Structures are given as C-alpha cells and as structure tokens.
Amino acid sequence: MKALLAVLALAVLLTGPPEFAGDAGLAEHWLGGREVDVTMRSAAVGGEVTTRLLLPPDWSRDATRTWPVLYLLHGSGDDHAAWTDHTDVAALTSTVEAIIVMPDGGRCGNYSDWWNQGRGGGPAWETFHLTELRRILETRYHAGNRRAVAGNSMGGMGAMHYAATHPDLFQAAAAYSGAVDPLTYPKATESMWLLCPGTDWHNLWGDPTRPNEVGMWLAHSPARDVSGLRGKTLFISSGDGDSVEQVVRAESKVLVDRLRDAGIPVTTEFYSGGQHAWPYWQRELRRSLPALLNAIGAGTMAR
C-alpha cells in the first residue's frame, strides 16, 4: 500500500494539480470538422472557462508530433466564439499546420491577473492562459513551443503584453486596434466597465493617479517597456474613423514610436477611416497572418 501511495503522489507531482491530471475537470464539445470547444475548471479564474480550438487538418489524438500555436485574443464584451463568429479564420487556416487557440478572456478581463485592492485572487486571466491552458494544450492537443499571439482591441493589448512580458513564449505578436498603452488614456480603460456593471474597475490595476498603484498600469502598458518585443515579428494596425479608433490609434503610435526608437522592426498599417469593428479586424488578420504563420513555421493560409 505504501508503495502504491508513493506512486500516486509522484504521478500528481508530474502531472500538476489534480484538476489538470489527465482529463479531470475538462470537457470537449466538438462543433464539427476541426473545431472544438474545450471547457476546463480553472483555479486561476475561479470557475469553468471555455476555449475554442481550430485543430490542424492532419491532427490526431495519438499523433507523435507537435504543432505550433496561434493565440487569437478577443476584445472587451466578447468571448471565445468571437473570432469564428465574426471572421473567416476557420477557412483561412484550413490548410495551416498550427493549432488556433481562441480562449475566453473575460468581458473586461484585460488579460491580467487582477490586483483586487491588494487581496490578490481571481480572476487571474494571464495565469490561466499562459500556465493552465498552455499545460492542457501541450499535454492533450500536442501543442509545441513555437507560438504567435494576436488580438483586437482589448485583445491587442493582451497580445502585446503577453509577448513583451513572456518573451520566451512567443515569436510573433499582432495588435488590431489595440489598446496597447492604457496609461495614455486611463479613462478609456475605465469606460470599458460599462460592459461589466457592478465591478469596480480599480480591482484590475488600481488607481493610476496614486503613486503606489500606477506601477501596475505601467506593467500592463506594453509601450512603457519594449525590450521584451525585440527579435519578434510584430504587426500593429488601426484606423481613425470613430472616437474609439482615434484613441487606440494614438496608443498604437506611442508603441510604434518607442519600438522604432529602440531599433525594433515593426510592420504597421495606419489606415484612414475604419471603425472599431469586425470587418476591419478581419481584414487586418488576413493582412498579418502570413507573417505570423511564417514566424512559427506553420505553413501558409488558404487562399
């Protein structure tokens, strides 16, 4: 009996917390073809979270190889279904040798581990995406170690934040109308809470007007420290056709200027007009996808 208990204890150490051991706490809902929703219990977020996957055309459960990964992050007010609901990403990537990962990031999650007035605790979206979810992708879906990340609006901030603060995890990043420098317009971040009534926006990163809390805003403003983006394939785009686009365009230009001042190459597309809306993010995904896929060795997209 002691020997059996020792073996079980070792198995838990090797596989992580019990909720992530094997298939415990994980459910799949196949939507047809290569599209599957994966729902898992997240200790970091504090509940069940769903991620939509588009698997490679030759993926199989018993494969002996791994595939590179492209994360697509949604904007505020959306969820894991946003990219497949509003774009043709499934058709675009039908021949791509990569796992397309579209996780829920919370309506106002901001791809961050929340401060919660100094108490910590959930939701911890960054920990969920880059630790818990990554572990499941690698152990169950054969995800490899080549990764790109892209997103729209709030997801654009998340993409650049993840790539900058976890430079060992990502080879490429793209932001479409991304809120990539929240400290430039903190009121714009605060206004997002119209989508999340009953939640105090100070729980996210604190109050930027307080000297002892502004550091959290700096840490989540990718433009404030671009060193982690060096050596990556980068793409940044936005329009100027409505008030929201004008804000994110200003934030995007702050990031681009600082990248260029640091001698870090970046591809940009600052177009006239354009709304803060899915038809433009669909276009920018198409425009940037070849470079993102090339950076992770994932082949070419469908024509």
C-alpha atoms as a PDB file:
ATOM      1  CA  MET A   1       0.000   0.000   0.000  1.00  0.00           C
ATOM      2  CA  LYS A   2       2.802   2.439   0.878  1.00  0.00           C
ATOM      3  CA  ALA A   3       4.430   1.755  -2.468  1.00  0.00           C
ATOM      4  CA  LEU A   4       1.125   2.444  -4.272  1.00  0.00           C
ATOM      5  CA  LEU A   5       0.618   5.719  -2.400  1.00  0.00           C
ATOM      6  CA  ALA A   6       4.148   6.782  -3.280  1.00  0.00           C
ATOM      7  CA  VAL A   7       3.486   6.097  -6.964  1.00  0.00           C
ATOM      8  CA  LEU A   8       0.226   8.085  -6.851  1.00  0.00           C
ATOM      9  CA  ALA A   9       1.936  11.010  -5.117  1.00  0.00           C
ATOM     10  CA  LEU A  10       4.667  11.035  -7.754  1.00  0.00           C
ATOM     11  CA  ALA A  11       2.034  10.989 -10.505  1.00  0.00           C
ATOM     12  CA  VAL A  12       0.370  14.102  -9.050  1.00  0.00           C
ATOM     13  CA  LEU A  13       3.717  15.894  -8.889  1.00  0.00           C
ATOM     14  CA  LEU A  14       4.430  15.076 -12.516  1.00  0.00           C
ATOM     15  CA  THR A  15       1.001  15.943 -13.898  1.00  0.00           C
ATOM     16  CA  GLY A  16       0.240  19.055 -11.849  1.00  0.00           C
ATOM     17  CA  PRO A  17      -2.792  19.849  -9.679  1.00  0.00           C
ATOM     18  CA  PRO A  18      -5.484  17.131  -9.630  1.00  0.00           C
ATOM     19  CA  GLU A  19      -7.933  19.158 -11.739  1.00  0.00           C
ATOM     20  CA  PHE A  20      -5.432  19.065 -14.617  1.00  0.00           C
ATOM     21  CA  ALA A  21      -4.333  15.445 -14.217  1.00  0.00           C
ATOM     22  CA  GLY A  22      -5.440  13.533 -17.310  1.00  0.00           C
ATOM     23  CA  ASP A  23      -8.929  14.558 -18.378  1.00  0.00           C
ATOM     24  CA  ALA A  24     -10.244  15.518 -14.923  1.00  0.00           C
ATOM     25  CA  GLY A  25     -12.108  18.805 -14.990  1.00  0.00           C
ATOM     26  CA  LEU A  26     -12.049  19.020 -18.792  1.00  0.00           C
ATOM     27  CA  ALA A  27     -14.885  18.595 -21.295  1.00  0.00           C
ATOM     28  CA  GLU A  28     -14.845  18.741 -25.106  1.00  0.00           C
ATOM     29  CA  HIS A  29     -17.698  19.827 -27.348  1.00  0.00           C
ATOM     30  CA  TRP A  30     -16.926  19.086 -30.979  1.00  0.00           C
ATOM     31  CA  LEU A  31     -18.557  21.597 -33.319  1.00  0.00           C
ATOM     32  CA  GLY A  32     -17.714  19.733 -36.488  1.00  0.00           C
ATOM     33  CA  GLY A  33     -14.593  19.204 -38.534  1.00  0.00           C
ATOM     34  CA  ARG A  34     -11.545  20.592 -36.760  1.00  0.00           C
ATOM     35  CA  GLU A  35     -13.411  22.960 -34.412  1.00  0.00           C
ATOM     36  CA  VAL A  36     -13.806  22.058 -30.745  1.00  0.00           C
ATOM     37  CA  ASP A  37     -14.761  23.935 -27.581  1.00  0.00           C
ATOM     38  CA  VAL A  38     -12.731  22.873 -24.553  1.00  0.00           C
ATOM     39  CA  THR A  39     -14.180  23.725 -21.135  1.00  0.00           C
ATOM     40  CA  MET A  40     -11.999  23.340 -18.083  1.00  0.00           C
ATOM     41  CA  ARG A  41     -12.087  24.174 -14.416  1.00  0.00           C
ATOM     42  CA  SER A  42      -9.650  26.997 -13.744  1.00  0.00           C
ATOM     43  CA  ALA A  43      -8.270  27.581 -10.283  1.00  0.00           C
ATOM     44  CA  ALA A  44      -6.804  30.875 -11.541  1.00  0.00           C
ATOM     45  CA  VAL A  45     -10.096  32.296 -12.817  1.00  0.00           C
ATOM     46  CA  GLY A  46     -12.237  30.602 -10.197  1.00  0.00           C
ATOM     47  CA  GLY A  47     -14.669  28.642 -12.344  1.00  0.00           C
ATOM     48  CA  GLU A  48     -15.190  26.990 -15.708  1.00  0.00           C
ATOM     49  CA  VAL A  49     -13.651  28.649 -18.768  1.00  0.00           C
ATOM     50  CA  THR A  50     -14.124  27.710 -22.425  1.00  0.00           C
ATOM     51  CA  THR A  51     -11.532  27.903 -25.183  1.00  0.00           C
ATOM     52  CA  ARG A  52     -12.292  27.328 -28.861  1.00  0.00           C
ATOM     53  CA  LEU A  53      -9.693  25.442 -30.890  1.00  0.00           C
ATOM     54  CA  LEU A  54      -9.195  25.037 -34.621  1.00  0.00           C
ATOM     55  CA  LEU A  55      -7.007  21.968 -34.955  1.00  0.00           C
ATOM     56  CA  PRO A  56      -4.626  21.332 -37.875  1.00  0.00           C
ATOM     57  CA  PRO A  57      -6.032  19.350 -40.805  1.00  0.00           C
ATOM     58  CA  ASP A  58      -3.911  16.273 -40.012  1.00  0.00           C
ATOM     59  CA  TRP A  59      -4.220  16.476 -36.211  1.00  0.00           C
ATOM     60  CA  SER A  60      -4.976  13.268 -34.323  1.00  0.00           C
ATOM     61  CA  ARG A  61      -5.194  12.336 -30.669  1.00  0.00           C
ATOM     62  CA  ASP A  62      -2.402   9.764 -30.964  1.00  0.00           C
ATOM     63  CA  ALA A  63      -0.017  11.940 -33.003  1.00  0.00           C
ATOM     64  CA  THR A  64       3.672  11.685 -32.187  1.00  0.00           C
ATOM     65  CA  ARG A  65       4.488  15.210 -33.388  1.00  0.00           C
ATOM     66  CA  THR A  66       3.658  18.684 -32.073  1.00  0.00           C
ATOM     67  CA  TRP A  67       2.188  21.750 -33.787  1.00  0.00           C
ATOM     68  CA  PRO A  68       2.919  25.474 -33.360  1.00  0.00           C
ATOM     69  CA  VAL A  69       0.224  27.650 -31.816  1.00  0.00           C
ATOM     70  CA  LEU A  70      -1.501  30.897 -32.783  1.00  0.00           C
ATOM     71  CA  TYR A  71      -3.485  32.528 -29.989  1.00  0.00           C
ATOM     72  CA  LEU A  72      -6.279  34.865 -31.100  1.00  0.00           C
ATOM     73  CA  LEU A  73      -7.481  37.088 -28.237  1.00  0.00           C
ATOM     74  CA  HIS A  74     -10.878  38.804 -28.286  1.00  0.00           C
ATOM     75  CA  GLY A  75     -11.828  42.333 -27.274  1.00  0.00           C
ATOM     76  CA  SER A  76     -13.969  43.585 -24.405  1.00  0.00           C
ATOM     77  CA  GLY A  77     -17.529  42.323 -24.275  1.00  0.00           C
ATOM     78  CA  ASP A  78     -16.750  39.235 -26.386  1.00  0.00           C
ATOM     79  CA  ASP A  79     -15.800  35.648 -25.622  1.00  0.00           C
ATOM     80  CA  HIS A  80     -14.114  32.539 -27.029  1.00  0.00           C
ATOM     81  CA  ALA A  81     -16.514  32.380 -30.003  1.00  0.00           C
ATOM     82  CA  ALA A  82     -15.832  35.898 -31.286  1.00  0.00           C
ATOM     83  CA  TRP A  83     -13.158  35.134 -33.876  1.00  0.00           C
ATOM     84  CA  THR A  84     -15.045  32.278 -35.542  1.00  0.00           C
ATOM     85  CA  ASP A  85     -18.378  34.112 -35.298  1.00  0.00           C
ATOM     86  CA  HIS A  86     -17.145  37.321 -36.922  1.00  0.00           C
ATOM     87  CA  THR A  87     -14.324  36.301 -39.274  1.00  0.00           C
ATOM     88  CA  ASP A  88     -13.428  33.545 -41.718  1.00  0.00           C
ATOM     89  CA  VAL A  89     -10.481  32.386 -39.618  1.00  0.00           C
ATOM     90  CA  ALA A  90     -11.613  28.755 -39.902  1.00  0.00           C
ATOM     91  CA  ALA A  91     -11.478  28.867 -43.706  1.00  0.00           C
ATOM     92  CA  LEU A  92      -8.280  30.936 -43.714  1.00  0.00           C
ATOM     93  CA  THR A  93      -6.443  28.368 -41.596  1.00  0.00           C
ATOM     94  CA  SER A  94      -7.925  25.214 -43.150  1.00  0.00           C
ATOM     95  CA  THR A  95      -4.523  24.206 -44.556  1.00  0.00           C
ATOM     96  CA  VAL A  96      -2.387  25.662 -41.784  1.00  0.00           C
ATOM     97  CA  GLU A  97      -0.166  23.366 -39.721  1.00  0.00           C
ATOM     98  CA  ALA A  98      -0.917  25.127 -36.437  1.00  0.00           C
ATOM     99  CA  ILE A  99      -3.358  24.982 -33.551  1.00  0.00           C
ATOM    100  CA  ILE A 100      -5.510  28.125 -33.497  1.00  0.00           C
ATOM    101  CA  VAL A 101      -6.385  28.883 -29.862  1.00  0.00           C
ATOM    102  CA  MET A 102      -9.224  31.296 -29.051  1.00  0.00           C
ATOM    103  CA  PRO A 103      -9.620  31.471 -25.263  1.00  0.00           C
ATOM    104  CA  ASP A 104     -12.215  33.315 -23.241  1.00  0.00           C
ATOM    105  CA  GLY A 105     -10.559  36.321 -21.616  1.00  0.00           C
ATOM    106  CA  GLY A 106     -13.496  37.771 -19.682  1.00  0.00           C
ATOM    107  CA  ARG A 107     -15.701  40.643 -20.811  1.00  0.00           C
ATOM    108  CA  CYS A 108     -13.371  43.073 -19.005  1.00  0.00           C
ATOM    109  CA  GLY A 109     -10.544  40.700 -18.117  1.00  0.00           C
ATOM    110  CA  ASN A 110      -7.750  42.715 -19.749  1.00  0.00           C
ATOM    111  CA  TYR A 111      -5.547  39.621 -19.967  1.00  0.00           C
ATOM    112  CA  SER A 112      -4.309  40.269 -16.454  1.00  0.00           C
ATOM    113  CA  ASP A 113      -4.116  38.752 -13.006  1.00  0.00           C
ATOM    114  CA  TRP A 114      -6.320  41.187 -11.103  1.00  0.00           C
ATOM    115  CA  TRP A 115      -4.999  43.198  -8.185  1.00  0.00           C
ATOM    116  CA  ASN A 116      -8.281  43.180  -6.232  1.00  0.00           C
ATOM    117  CA  GLN A 117      -7.329  46.047  -3.896  1.00  0.00           C
ATOM    118  CA  GLY A 118      -4.185  44.164  -2.906  1.00  0.00           C
ATOM    119  CA  ARG A 119      -6.005  40.982  -1.904  1.00  0.00           C
ATOM    120  CA  GLY A 120      -4.969  39.013  -4.997  1.00  0.00           C
ATOM    121  CA  GLY A 121      -7.071  36.054  -6.036  1.00  0.00           C
ATOM    122  CA  GLY A 122      -9.138  35.635  -9.174  1.00  0.00           C
ATOM    123  CA  PRO A 123      -9.751  36.290 -11.873  1.00  0.00           C
ATOM    124  CA  ALA A 124      -6.165  35.648 -12.953  1.00  0.00           C
ATOM    125  CA  TRP A 125      -6.542  35.532 -16.723  1.00  0.00           C
ATOM    126  CA  GLU A 126      -2.832  35.726 -17.509  1.00  0.00           C
ATOM    127  CA  THR A 127      -2.108  32.719 -15.311  1.00  0.00           C
ATOM    128  CA  PHE A 128      -4.993  30.831 -16.871  1.00  0.00           C
ATOM    129  CA  HIS A 129      -3.895  31.469 -20.462  1.00  0.00           C
ATOM    130  CA  LEU A 130      -0.143  31.026 -20.089  1.00  0.00           C
ATOM    131  CA  THR A 131       0.045  28.349 -17.388  1.00  0.00           C
ATOM    132  CA  GLU A 132      -3.170  26.346 -17.005  1.00  0.00           C
ATOM    133  CA  LEU A 133      -4.382  26.440 -20.606  1.00  0.00           C
ATOM    134  CA  ARG A 134      -0.885  26.070 -22.031  1.00  0.00           C
ATOM    135  CA  ARG A 135      -0.414  22.900 -19.986  1.00  0.00           C
ATOM    136  CA  ILE A 136      -3.622  21.407 -21.401  1.00  0.00           C
ATOM    137  CA  LEU A 137      -2.670  22.401 -24.949  1.00  0.00           C
ATOM    138  CA  GLU A 138       0.687  20.700 -24.601  1.00  0.00           C
ATOM    139  CA  THR A 139      -0.407  17.538 -22.778  1.00  0.00           C
ATOM    140  CA  ARG A 140      -3.666  16.822 -24.633  1.00  0.00           C
ATOM    141  CA  TYR A 141      -3.516  18.602 -28.007  1.00  0.00           C
ATOM    142  CA  HIS A 142       0.173  18.253 -28.938  1.00  0.00           C
ATOM    143  CA  ALA A 143       0.984  21.964 -28.841  1.00  0.00           C
ATOM    144  CA  GLY A 144       4.636  22.764 -29.400  1.00  0.00           C
ATOM    145  CA  ASN A 145       6.867  25.607 -28.264  1.00  0.00           C
ATOM    146  CA  ARG A 146       6.510  27.933 -31.271  1.00  0.00           C
ATOM    147  CA  ARG A 147       3.783  30.499 -30.596  1.00  0.00           C
ATOM    148  CA  ALA A 148       2.306  33.687 -32.027  1.00  0.00           C
ATOM    149  CA  VAL A 149      -0.369  35.844 -30.411  1.00  0.00           C
ATOM    150  CA  ALA A 150      -2.745  38.384 -31.964  1.00  0.00           C
ATOM    151  CA  GLY A 151      -5.835  40.230 -30.825  1.00  0.00           C
ATOM    152  CA  ASN A 152      -8.278  43.053 -31.414  1.00  0.00           C
ATOM    153  CA  SER A 153      -8.942  45.998 -29.091  1.00  0.00           C
ATOM    154  CA  MET A 154      -8.506  44.695 -25.515  1.00  0.00           C
ATOM    155  CA  GLY A 155      -7.079  41.560 -27.098  1.00  0.00           C
ATOM    156  CA  GLY A 156      -4.485  43.667 -28.925  1.00  0.00           C
ATOM    157  CA  MET A 157      -3.265  44.920 -25.569  1.00  0.00           C
ATOM    158  CA  GLY A 158      -3.237  41.327 -24.323  1.00  0.00           C
ATOM    159  CA  ALA A 159      -1.227  40.147 -27.325  1.00  0.00           C
ATOM    160  CA  MET A 160       1.495  42.769 -26.930  1.00  0.00           C
ATOM    161  CA  HIS A 161       1.504  42.432 -23.134  1.00  0.00           C
ATOM    162  CA  TYR A 162       1.910  38.662 -23.268  1.00  0.00           C
ATOM    163  CA  ALA A 163       4.657  38.841 -25.902  1.00  0.00           C
ATOM    164  CA  ALA A 164       6.544  41.605 -24.076  1.00  0.00           C
ATOM    165  CA  THR A 165       6.398  40.139 -20.576  1.00  0.00           C
ATOM    166  CA  HIS A 166       6.859  36.491 -21.617  1.00  0.00           C
ATOM    167  CA  PRO A 167       9.426  36.872 -24.402  1.00  0.00           C
ATOM    168  CA  ASP A 168      10.488  33.233 -24.141  1.00  0.00           C
ATOM    169  CA  LEU A 169       6.991  32.031 -25.034  1.00  0.00           C
ATOM    170  CA  PHE A 170       6.208  33.985 -28.234  1.00  0.00           C
ATOM    171  CA  GLN A 171       7.917  34.550 -31.579  1.00  0.00           C
ATOM    172  CA  ALA A 172       5.358  36.976 -33.033  1.00  0.00           C
ATOM    173  CA  ALA A 173       2.575  39.353 -31.980  1.00  0.00           C
ATOM    174  CA  ALA A 174      -0.077  41.474 -33.692  1.00  0.00           C
ATOM    175  CA  ALA A 175      -2.486  44.116 -32.397  1.00  0.00           C
ATOM    176  CA  TYR A 176      -5.504  45.229 -34.425  1.00  0.00           C
ATOM    177  CA  SER A 177      -6.948  48.468 -32.997  1.00  0.00           C
ATOM    178  CA  GLY A 178      -5.180  47.503 -29.797  1.00  0.00           C
ATOM    179  CA  ALA A 179      -5.384  49.412 -26.512  1.00  0.00           C
ATOM    180  CA  VAL A 180      -1.636  48.925 -26.250  1.00  0.00           C
ATOM    181  CA  ASP A 181      -0.799  51.802 -23.894  1.00  0.00           C
ATOM    182  CA  PRO A 182      -3.604  52.011 -21.299  1.00  0.00           C
ATOM    183  CA  LEU A 183      -1.744  54.612 -19.260  1.00  0.00           C
ATOM    184  CA  THR A 184      -2.056  57.098 -22.132  1.00  0.00           C
ATOM    185  CA  TYR A 185      -5.851  57.097 -21.818  1.00  0.00           C
ATOM    186  CA  PRO A 186      -6.815  55.519 -18.470  1.00  0.00           C
ATOM    187  CA  LYS A 187     -10.349  56.905 -18.847  1.00  0.00           C
ATOM    188  CA  ALA A 188     -10.781  54.709 -21.925  1.00  0.00           C
ATOM    189  CA  THR A 189      -9.916  51.636 -19.863  1.00  0.00           C
ATOM    190  CA  GLU A 190     -12.250  52.788 -17.111  1.00  0.00           C
ATOM    191  CA  SER A 191     -15.100  53.252 -19.606  1.00  0.00           C
ATOM    192  CA  MET A 192     -14.884  49.570 -20.501  1.00  0.00           C
ATOM    193  CA  TRP A 193     -16.660  48.884 -17.223  1.00  0.00           C
ATOM    194  CA  LEU A 194     -19.934  49.937 -18.847  1.00  0.00           C
ATOM    195  CA  LEU A 195     -19.827  46.347 -20.144  1.00  0.00           C
ATOM    196  CA  CYS A 196     -19.267  44.950 -16.654  1.00  0.00           C
ATOM    197  CA  PRO A 197     -21.689  46.723 -14.323  1.00  0.00           C
ATOM    198  CA  GLY A 198     -21.254  46.040 -10.643  1.00  0.00           C
ATOM    199  CA  THR A 199     -17.499  45.513 -10.918  1.00  0.00           C
ATOM    200  CA  ASP A 200     -15.091  48.118  -9.526  1.00  0.00           C
ATOM    201  CA  TRP A 201     -12.517  48.950 -12.222  1.00  0.00           C
ATOM    202  CA  HIS A 202      -9.938  49.679  -9.516  1.00  0.00           C
ATOM    203  CA  ASN A 203      -9.809  45.921  -8.869  1.00  0.00           C
ATOM    204  CA  LEU A 204      -7.903  45.485 -12.130  1.00  0.00           C
ATOM    205  CA  TRP A 205      -4.687  47.527 -11.721  1.00  0.00           C
ATOM    206  CA  GLY A 206      -5.615  50.011  -9.026  1.00  0.00           C
ATOM    207  CA  ASP A 207      -5.858  53.775  -9.476  1.00  0.00           C
ATOM    208  CA  PRO A 208      -3.328  55.293 -11.935  1.00  0.00           C
ATOM    209  CA  THR A 209      -3.446  58.612 -10.073  1.00  0.00           C
ATOM    210  CA  ARG A 210      -1.979  57.024  -6.926  1.00  0.00           C
ATOM    211  CA  PRO A 211       1.825  56.799  -6.879  1.00  0.00           C
ATOM    212  CA  ASN A 212       1.812  53.421  -5.136  1.00  0.00           C
ATOM    213  CA  GLU A 213      -0.578  51.909  -7.721  1.00  0.00           C
ATOM    214  CA  VAL A 214       0.451  53.455 -11.040  1.00  0.00           C
ATOM    215  CA  GLY A 215       3.189  50.840 -11.376  1.00  0.00           C
ATOM    216  CA  MET A 216       0.563  48.206 -12.172  1.00  0.00           C
ATOM    217  CA  TRP A 217      -0.666  50.342 -15.075  1.00  0.00           C
ATOM    218  CA  LEU A 218       2.904  50.731 -16.289  1.00  0.00           C
ATOM    219  CA  ALA A 219       3.391  46.967 -16.126  1.00  0.00           C
ATOM    220  CA  HIS A 220       0.353  46.447 -18.379  1.00  0.00           C
ATOM    221  CA  SER A 221       1.186  49.192 -20.889  1.00  0.00           C
ATOM    222  CA  PRO A 222       3.393  47.427 -23.471  1.00  0.00           C
ATOM    223  CA  ALA A 223       4.712  50.749 -24.804  1.00  0.00           C
ATOM    224  CA  ARG A 224       6.389  51.525 -21.480  1.00  0.00           C
ATOM    225  CA  ASP A 225       8.979  48.739 -21.816  1.00  0.00           C
ATOM    226  CA  VAL A 226       9.514  47.371 -25.308  1.00  0.00           C
ATOM    227  CA  SER A 227      12.662  45.358 -24.585  1.00  0.00           C
ATOM    228  CA  GLY A 228      10.732  42.076 -24.451  1.00  0.00           C
ATOM    229  CA  LEU A 229       9.479  42.611 -28.009  1.00  0.00           C
ATOM    230  CA  ARG A 230      12.951  42.626 -29.538  1.00  0.00           C
ATOM    231  CA  GLY A 231      13.566  39.870 -32.057  1.00  0.00           C
ATOM    232  CA  LYS A 232       9.884  39.169 -32.680  1.00  0.00           C
ATOM    233  CA  THR A 233       7.723  39.556 -35.775  1.00  0.00           C
ATOM    234  CA  LEU A 234       5.419  42.480 -34.933  1.00  0.00           C
ATOM    235  CA  PHE A 235       2.343  43.938 -36.642  1.00  0.00           C
ATOM    236  CA  ILE A 236       0.277  46.925 -35.431  1.00  0.00           C
ATOM    237  CA  SER A 237      -2.710  48.490 -37.169  1.00  0.00           C
ATOM    238  CA  SER A 238      -5.603  50.860 -36.548  1.00  0.00           C
ATOM    239  CA  GLY A 239      -7.898  53.320 -38.282  1.00  0.00           C
ATOM    240  CA  ASP A 240      -9.238  56.712 -37.250  1.00  0.00           C
ATOM    241  CA  GLY A 241     -12.881  56.640 -38.308  1.00  0.00           C
ATOM    242  CA  ASP A 242     -14.554  56.827 -34.907  1.00  0.00           C
ATOM    243  CA  SER A 243     -13.697  58.057 -31.418  1.00  0.00           C
ATOM    244  CA  VAL A 244     -12.571  54.650 -30.165  1.00  0.00           C
ATOM    245  CA  GLU A 245     -10.290  54.135 -33.143  1.00  0.00           C
ATOM    246  CA  GLN A 246      -8.766  57.548 -32.586  1.00  0.00           C
ATOM    247  CA  VAL A 247      -7.877  56.565 -29.011  1.00  0.00           C
ATOM    248  CA  VAL A 248      -6.344  53.209 -29.926  1.00  0.00           C
ATOM    249  CA  ARG A 249      -4.546  54.777 -32.880  1.00  0.00           C
ATOM    250  CA  ALA A 250      -2.869  57.253 -30.518  1.00  0.00           C
ATOM    251  CA  GLU A 251      -1.903  54.394 -28.185  1.00  0.00           C
ATOM    252  CA  SER A 252      -0.630  52.318 -31.099  1.00  0.00           C
ATOM    253  CA  LYS A 253       1.547  55.172 -32.336  1.00  0.00           C
ATOM    254  CA  VAL A 254       3.090  55.529 -28.874  1.00  0.00           C
ATOM    255  CA  LEU A 255       4.100  51.876 -29.023  1.00  0.00           C
ATOM    256  CA  VAL A 256       5.346  52.087 -32.614  1.00  0.00           C
ATOM    257  CA  ASP A 257       7.440  55.184 -31.855  1.00  0.00           C
ATOM    258  CA  ARG A 258       9.070  53.512 -28.883  1.00  0.00           C
ATOM    259  CA  LEU A 259       9.769  50.352 -30.851  1.00  0.00           C
ATOM    260  CA  ARG A 260      11.448  52.350 -33.590  1.00  0.00           C
ATOM    261  CA  ASP A 261      13.383  54.451 -31.093  1.00  0.00           C
ATOM    262  CA  ALA A 262      14.713  51.156 -29.700  1.00  0.00           C
ATOM    263  CA  GLY A 263      15.610  49.899 -33.177  1.00  0.00           C
ATOM    264  CA  ILE A 264      12.971  47.142 -33.095  1.00  0.00           C
ATOM    265  CA  PRO A 265      11.357  46.486 -36.519  1.00  0.00           C
ATOM    266  CA  VAL A 266       7.562  46.585 -36.708  1.00  0.00           C
ATOM    267  CA  THR A 267       5.116  46.408 -39.604  1.00  0.00           C
ATOM    268  CA  THR A 268       2.306  48.954 -39.368  1.00  0.00           C
ATOM    269  CA  GLU A 269      -0.940  49.695 -41.149  1.00  0.00           C
ATOM    270  CA  PHE A 270      -2.462  53.024 -40.091  1.00  0.00           C
ATOM    271  CA  TYR A 271      -5.396  53.422 -42.444  1.00  0.00           C
ATOM    272  CA  SER A 272      -7.788  56.333 -42.998  1.00  0.00           C
ATOM    273  CA  GLY A 273     -11.332  55.854 -41.770  1.00  0.00           C
ATOM    274  CA  GLY A 274     -12.269  52.482 -40.437  1.00  0.00           C
ATOM    275  CA  GLN A 275     -14.481  51.739 -37.486  1.00  0.00           C
ATOM    276  CA  HIS A 276     -13.759  49.864 -34.287  1.00  0.00           C
ATOM    277  CA  ALA A 277     -15.496  46.855 -35.779  1.00  0.00           C
ATOM    278  CA  TRP A 278     -15.025  43.308 -37.009  1.00  0.00           C
ATOM    279  CA  PRO A 279     -14.855  43.900 -40.787  1.00  0.00           C
ATOM    280  CA  TYR A 280     -11.599  45.817 -40.245  1.00  0.00           C
ATOM    281  CA  TRP A 281     -10.132  43.259 -37.842  1.00  0.00           C
ATOM    282  CA  GLN A 282     -10.970  40.521 -40.345  1.00  0.00           C
ATOM    283  CA  ARG A 283      -9.018  42.446 -42.985  1.00  0.00           C
ATOM    284  CA  GLU A 284      -6.063  43.039 -40.676  1.00  0.00           C
ATOM    285  CA  LEU A 285      -5.966  39.372 -39.675  1.00  0.00           C
ATOM    286  CA  ARG A 286      -5.696  38.454 -43.353  1.00  0.00           C
ATOM    287  CA  ARG A 287      -3.000  41.075 -43.842  1.00  0.00           C
ATOM    288  CA  SER A 288      -0.834  39.930 -40.936  1.00  0.00           C
ATOM    289  CA  LEU A 289      -1.471  36.185 -40.914  1.00  0.00           C
ATOM    290  CA  PRO A 290       1.239  35.142 -43.402  1.00  0.00           C
ATOM    291  CA  ALA A 291       3.973  36.798 -41.324  1.00  0.00           C
ATOM    292  CA  LEU A 292       2.622  35.362 -38.055  1.00  0.00           C
ATOM    293  CA  LEU A 293       2.495  31.855 -39.505  1.00  0.00           C
ATOM    294  CA  ASN A 294       5.948  32.171 -41.024  1.00  0.00           C
ATOM    295  CA  ALA A 295       7.391  33.202 -37.650  1.00  0.00           C
ATOM    296  CA  ILE A 296       6.219  29.970 -36.054  1.00  0.00           C
ATOM    297  CA  GLY A 297       6.850  27.677 -39.031  1.00  0.00           C
ATOM    298  CA  ALA A 298       3.157  26.906 -39.607  1.00  0.00           C
ATOM    299  CA  GLY A 299       2.909  26.840 -43.385  1.00  0.00           C
ATOM    300  CA  THR A 300       0.608  29.038 -45.451  1.00  0.00           C
ATOM    301  CA  MET A 301      -3.013  30.081 -45.134  1.00  0.00           C
ATOM    302  CA  ALA A 302      -5.707  29.095 -47.573  1.00  0.00           C
ATOM    303  CA  ARG A 303      -6.378  31.472 -50.463  1.00  0.00           C
END
